[in-house]
C-alpha atoms as a PDB file:
ATOM      1  CA  MET A   1     339.151  68.285 218.606  1.00  0.00           C
ATOM      2  CA  ASN A   2     341.265  66.037 216.357  1.00  0.00           C
ATOM      3  CA  LEU A   3     339.662  65.303 213.070  1.00  0.00           C
ATOM      4  CA  SER A   4     341.087  63.075 210.464  1.00  0.00           C
ATOM      5  CA  PRO A   5     342.808  64.777 207.473  1.00  0.00           C
ATOM      6  CA  ARG A   6     340.413  63.415 205.158  1.00  0.00           C
ATOM      7  CA  LEU A   7     337.411  64.883 207.130  1.00  0.00           C
ATOM      8  CA  VAL A   8     339.118  68.213 207.173  1.00  0.00           C
ATOM      9  CA  ARG A   9     339.639  68.232 203.537  1.00  0.00           C
ATOM     10  CA  LEU A  10     335.726  67.203 203.042  1.00  0.00           C
ATOM     11  CA  ILE A  11     334.773  70.135 205.347  1.00  0.00           C
ATOM     12  CA  ASN A  12     336.978  72.571 203.463  1.00  0.00           C
ATOM     13  CA  LEU A  13     335.541  71.323 200.099  1.00  0.00           C
ATOM     14  CA  LEU A  14     331.984  71.868 201.456  1.00  0.00           C
ATOM     15  CA  VAL A  15     332.891  75.330 202.701  1.00  0.00           C
ATOM     16  CA  VAL A  16     334.460  76.200 199.403  1.00  0.00           C
ATOM     17  CA  ALA A  17     331.528  74.727 197.452  1.00  0.00           C
ATOM     18  CA  GLY A  18     328.927  76.624 199.607  1.00  0.00           C
ATOM     19  CA  THR A  19     330.568  79.983 199.695  1.00  0.00           C
ATOM     20  CA  GLY A  20     331.811  79.786 196.149  1.00  0.00           C
ATOM     21  CA  THR A  21     328.179  79.283 195.024  1.00  0.00           C
ATOM     22  CA  VAL A  22     326.983  82.148 197.082  1.00  0.00           C
ATOM     23  CA  LEU A  23     329.686  84.320 195.614  1.00  0.00           C
ATOM     24  CA  GLY A  24     329.245  83.090 192.156  1.00  0.00           C
ATOM     25  CA  LEU A  25     325.435  83.829 192.241  1.00  0.00           C
ATOM     26  CA  SER A  26     326.141  87.208 193.775  1.00  0.00           C
ATOM     27  CA  GLY A  27     328.235  87.928 190.621  1.00  0.00           C
ATOM     28  CA  TRP A  28     325.571  86.633 188.393  1.00  0.00           C
ATOM     29  CA  LEU A  29     322.757  88.765 189.874  1.00  0.00           C
ATOM     30  CA  THR A  30     321.808  92.340 189.007  1.00  0.00           C
ATOM     31  CA  PRO A  31     321.420  94.345 192.101  1.00  0.00           C
ATOM     32  CA  SER A  32     317.868  95.627 192.386  1.00  0.00           C
ATOM     33  CA  THR A  33     317.586  99.408 192.297  1.00  0.00           C
ATOM     34  CA  GLU A  34     314.980  99.269 195.028  1.00  0.00           C
ATOM     35  CA  GLY A  35     317.616  98.102 197.633  1.00  0.00           C
ATOM     36  CA  HIS A  36     315.835  94.794 198.080  1.00  0.00           C
ATOM     37  CA  SER A  37     314.187  91.879 196.122  1.00  0.00           C
ATOM     38  CA  THR A  38     317.154  90.942 194.027  1.00  0.00           C
ATOM     39  CA  HIS A  39     316.479  87.378 195.261  1.00  0.00           C
ATOM     40  CA  LEU A  40     313.424  87.393 192.883  1.00  0.00           C
ATOM     41  CA  GLN A  41     315.872  86.804 190.090  1.00  0.00           C
ATOM     42  CA  LEU A  42     316.615  83.430 191.680  1.00  0.00           C
ATOM     43  CA  GLY A  43     312.884  82.358 191.279  1.00  0.00           C
ATOM     44  CA  LEU A  44     312.071  82.860 194.993  1.00  0.00           C
ATOM     45  CA  LYS A  45     309.133  84.559 196.159  1.00  0.00           C
ATOM     46  CA  GLN A  46     308.611  88.038 197.694  1.00  0.00           C
ATOM     47  CA  CYS A  47     309.590  88.286 201.460  1.00  0.00           C
ATOM     48  CA  THR A  48     306.551  87.134 203.498  1.00  0.00           C
ATOM     49  CA  PHE A  49     307.625  89.284 206.400  1.00  0.00           C
ATOM     50  CA  LEU A  50     307.805  92.277 204.189  1.00  0.00           C
ATOM     51  CA  THR A  51     304.445  91.399 202.457  1.00  0.00           C
ATOM     52  CA  LEU A  52     302.646  90.874 205.792  1.00  0.00           C
ATOM     53  CA  THR A  53     304.062  93.658 207.946  1.00  0.00           C
ATOM     54  CA  HIS A  54     305.260  96.254 205.321  1.00  0.00           C
ATOM     55  CA  TYR A  55     308.462  96.309 207.272  1.00  0.00           C
ATOM     56  CA  PRO A  56     311.724  94.807 206.098  1.00  0.00           C
ATOM     57  CA  CYS A  57     312.901  91.537 207.582  1.00  0.00           C
ATOM     58  CA  PRO A  58     316.264  91.353 209.443  1.00  0.00           C
ATOM     59  CA  MET A  59     317.832  90.001 206.166  1.00  0.00           C
ATOM     60  CA  CYS A  60     316.387  92.616 203.886  1.00  0.00           C
ATOM     61  CA  GLY A  61     318.755  93.870 201.217  1.00  0.00           C
ATOM     62  CA  MET A  62     321.299  91.220 201.874  1.00  0.00           C
ATOM     63  CA  THR A  63     321.249  89.650 198.527  1.00  0.00           C
ATOM     64  CA  THR A  64     321.246  93.003 196.811  1.00  0.00           C
ATOM     65  CA  THR A  65     324.173  94.011 198.933  1.00  0.00           C
ATOM     66  CA  PHE A  66     326.072  90.704 198.004  1.00  0.00           C
ATOM     67  CA  ALA A  67     325.295  91.412 194.292  1.00  0.00           C
ATOM     68  CA  HIS A  68     326.714  95.052 194.714  1.00  0.00           C
ATOM     69  CA  MET A  69     329.828  93.778 196.435  1.00  0.00           C
ATOM     70  CA  ALA A  70     330.357  91.082 193.852  1.00  0.00           C
ATOM     71  CA  HIS A  71     330.137  93.807 191.101  1.00  0.00           C
ATOM     72  CA  GLY A  72     332.615  96.094 193.118  1.00  0.00           C
ATOM     73  CA  HIS A  73     330.103  98.662 194.243  1.00  0.00           C
ATOM     74  CA  LEU A  74     331.163  99.109 197.718  1.00  0.00           C
ATOM     75  CA  LEU A  75     329.303 102.445 198.403  1.00  0.00           C
ATOM     76  CA  SER A  76     326.073 101.151 196.856  1.00  0.00           C
ATOM     77  CA  ALA A  77     326.398  97.964 198.975  1.00  0.00           C
ATOM     78  CA  ILE A  78     327.025  99.962 202.243  1.00  0.00           C
ATOM     79  CA  VAL A  79     323.972 102.228 201.474  1.00  0.00           C
ATOM     80  CA  THR A  80     321.859  99.210 200.672  1.00  0.00           C
ATOM     81  CA  GLN A  81     322.648  97.082 203.833  1.00  0.00           C
ATOM     82  CA  PRO A  82     325.776  97.892 205.927  1.00  0.00           C
ATOM     83  CA  PHE A  83     325.794  94.544 207.650  1.00  0.00           C
ATOM     84  CA  GLY A  84     325.520  92.792 204.446  1.00  0.00           C
ATOM     85  CA  VAL A  85     329.099  94.109 203.655  1.00  0.00           C
ATOM     86  CA  VAL A  86     330.264  92.389 206.865  1.00  0.00           C
ATOM     87  CA  LEU A  87     328.599  89.113 205.760  1.00  0.00           C
ATOM     88  CA  PHE A  88     330.006  89.310 202.371  1.00  0.00           C
ATOM     89  CA  SER A  89     333.482  89.897 203.747  1.00  0.00           C
ATOM     90  CA  MET A  90     333.143  86.897 206.021  1.00  0.00           C
ATOM     91  CA  THR A  91     331.957  84.803 203.073  1.00  0.00           C
ATOM     92  CA  VAL A  92     334.859  85.799 201.063  1.00  0.00           C
ATOM     93  CA  PHE A  93     337.275  85.140 203.988  1.00  0.00           C
ATOM     94  CA  SER A  94     335.791  81.773 204.547  1.00  0.00           C
ATOM     95  CA  PHE A  95     336.096  80.716 200.846  1.00  0.00           C
ATOM     96  CA  VAL A  96     339.702  81.967 200.727  1.00  0.00           C
ATOM     97  CA  VAL A  97     340.885  80.091 203.967  1.00  0.00           C
ATOM     98  CA  SER A  98     338.990  76.939 202.983  1.00  0.00           C
ATOM     99  CA  LEU A  99     340.402  77.049 199.405  1.00  0.00           C
ATOM    100  CA  LEU A 100     343.963  77.568 200.755  1.00  0.00           C
ATOM    101  CA  ASP A 101     343.502  74.780 203.187  1.00  0.00           C
ATOM    102  CA  LEU A 102     342.131  72.543 200.546  1.00  0.00           C
ATOM    103  CA  ILE A 103     345.079  73.175 198.316  1.00  0.00           C
ATOM    104  CA  GLN A 104     347.700  73.144 200.804  1.00  0.00           C
ATOM    105  CA  PRO A 105     346.620  71.813 204.190  1.00  0.00           C
ATOM    106  CA  ARG A 106     347.988  73.814 207.173  1.00  0.00           C
ATOM    107  CA  GLU A 107     345.163  73.741 209.632  1.00  0.00           C
ATOM    108  CA  ARG A 108     344.410  77.369 209.135  1.00  0.00           C
ATOM    109  CA  TRP A 109     340.913  76.996 210.555  1.00  0.00           C
ATOM    110  CA  THR A 110     342.076  75.288 213.614  1.00  0.00           C
ATOM    111  CA  ARG A 111     344.578  78.271 214.474  1.00  0.00           C
ATOM    112  CA  ILE A 112     341.826  80.868 213.579  1.00  0.00           C
ATOM    113  CA  LEU A 113     339.237  79.260 215.705  1.00  0.00           C
ATOM    114  CA  ASP A 114     341.692  78.718 218.577  1.00  0.00           C
ATOM    115  CA  ARG A 115     342.564  82.415 218.595  1.00  0.00           C
ATOM    116  CA  LEU A 116     338.757  83.427 218.358  1.00  0.00           C
ATOM    117  CA  ALA A 117     337.629  80.937 221.134  1.00  0.00           C
ATOM    118  CA  PRO A 118     338.284  83.221 224.056  1.00  0.00           C
ATOM    119  CA  TRP A 119     336.290  85.940 222.484  1.00  0.00           C
ATOM    120  CA  GLU A 120     333.388  83.959 221.109  1.00  0.00           C
ATOM    121  CA  THR A 121     330.816  85.534 223.537  1.00  0.00           C
ATOM    122  CA  TRP A 122     331.751  89.018 222.644  1.00  0.00           C
ATOM    123  CA  LEU A 123     331.990  88.190 218.816  1.00  0.00           C
ATOM    124  CA  ALA A 124     328.447  86.621 219.026  1.00  0.00           C
ATOM    125  CA  ALA A 125     327.191  89.667 220.822  1.00  0.00           C
ATOM    126  CA  ILE A 126     328.894  92.048 218.287  1.00  0.00           C
ATOM    127  CA  PHE A 127     327.547  90.005 215.461  1.00  0.00           C
ATOM    128  CA  LEU A 128     323.991  90.009 216.933  1.00  0.00           C
ATOM    129  CA  ILE A 129     324.141  93.840 217.600  1.00  0.00           C
ATOM    130  CA  GLY A 130     325.583  94.494 214.127  1.00  0.00           C
ATOM    131  CA  MET A 131     322.633  92.538 212.594  1.00  0.00           C
ATOM    132  CA  GLY A 132     320.195  94.354 214.700  1.00  0.00           C
ATOM    133  CA  LEU A 133     321.685  97.755 213.726  1.00  0.00           C
ATOM    134  CA  GLY A 134     321.656  96.804 210.061  1.00  0.00           C
ATOM    135  CA  TRP A 135     317.925  95.809 210.460  1.00  0.00           C
ATOM    136  CA  LEU A 136     317.102  99.111 212.173  1.00  0.00           C
ATOM    137  CA  TYR A 137     318.972 100.995 209.442  1.00  0.00           C
ATOM    138  CA  LYS A 138     316.929  99.105 206.748  1.00  0.00           C
ATOM    139  CA  ILE A 139     313.681  99.904 208.488  1.00  0.00           C
ATOM    140  CA  ALA A 140     314.687 103.590 208.738  1.00  0.00           C
ATOM    141  CA  VAL A 141     315.696 103.750 204.990  1.00  0.00           C
ATOM    142  CA  MET A 142     312.465 101.871 203.775  1.00  0.00           C
ATOM    143  CA  ARG A 143     310.101 103.553 205.953  1.00  0.00           C
ATOM    144  CA  GLY A 144     311.861 106.889 205.936  1.00  0.00           C
END
């Protein structure tokens, strides 16, 4: 797909703004000692899934993990929600690639996506399995 250079720059700007906001908020938040509920510092409500079922939701602990990662607490992040470390790393990667392409356009995303395209089914499966395993881990830790 051929996109105009102006549209590519706009997309990169939006990715930088979105991921930069997530990373900035992660650094601003104080990780909860409970391993979840850090999102409450943003004025959000308690997780409805957790409240109703007493089981963590699939994303439970992600905000706390992001806050740990932003503060350089790798071990605490892994213990809180291992898959969150993967998502944080993907967020940082997306921020860096988009920022580089915004500053000095080189079609980095096109090259990256072209290389990943043959593997997209496997990557999606690995992603979903990783998320599922992270969820099972969080259930075991919180119910354990």
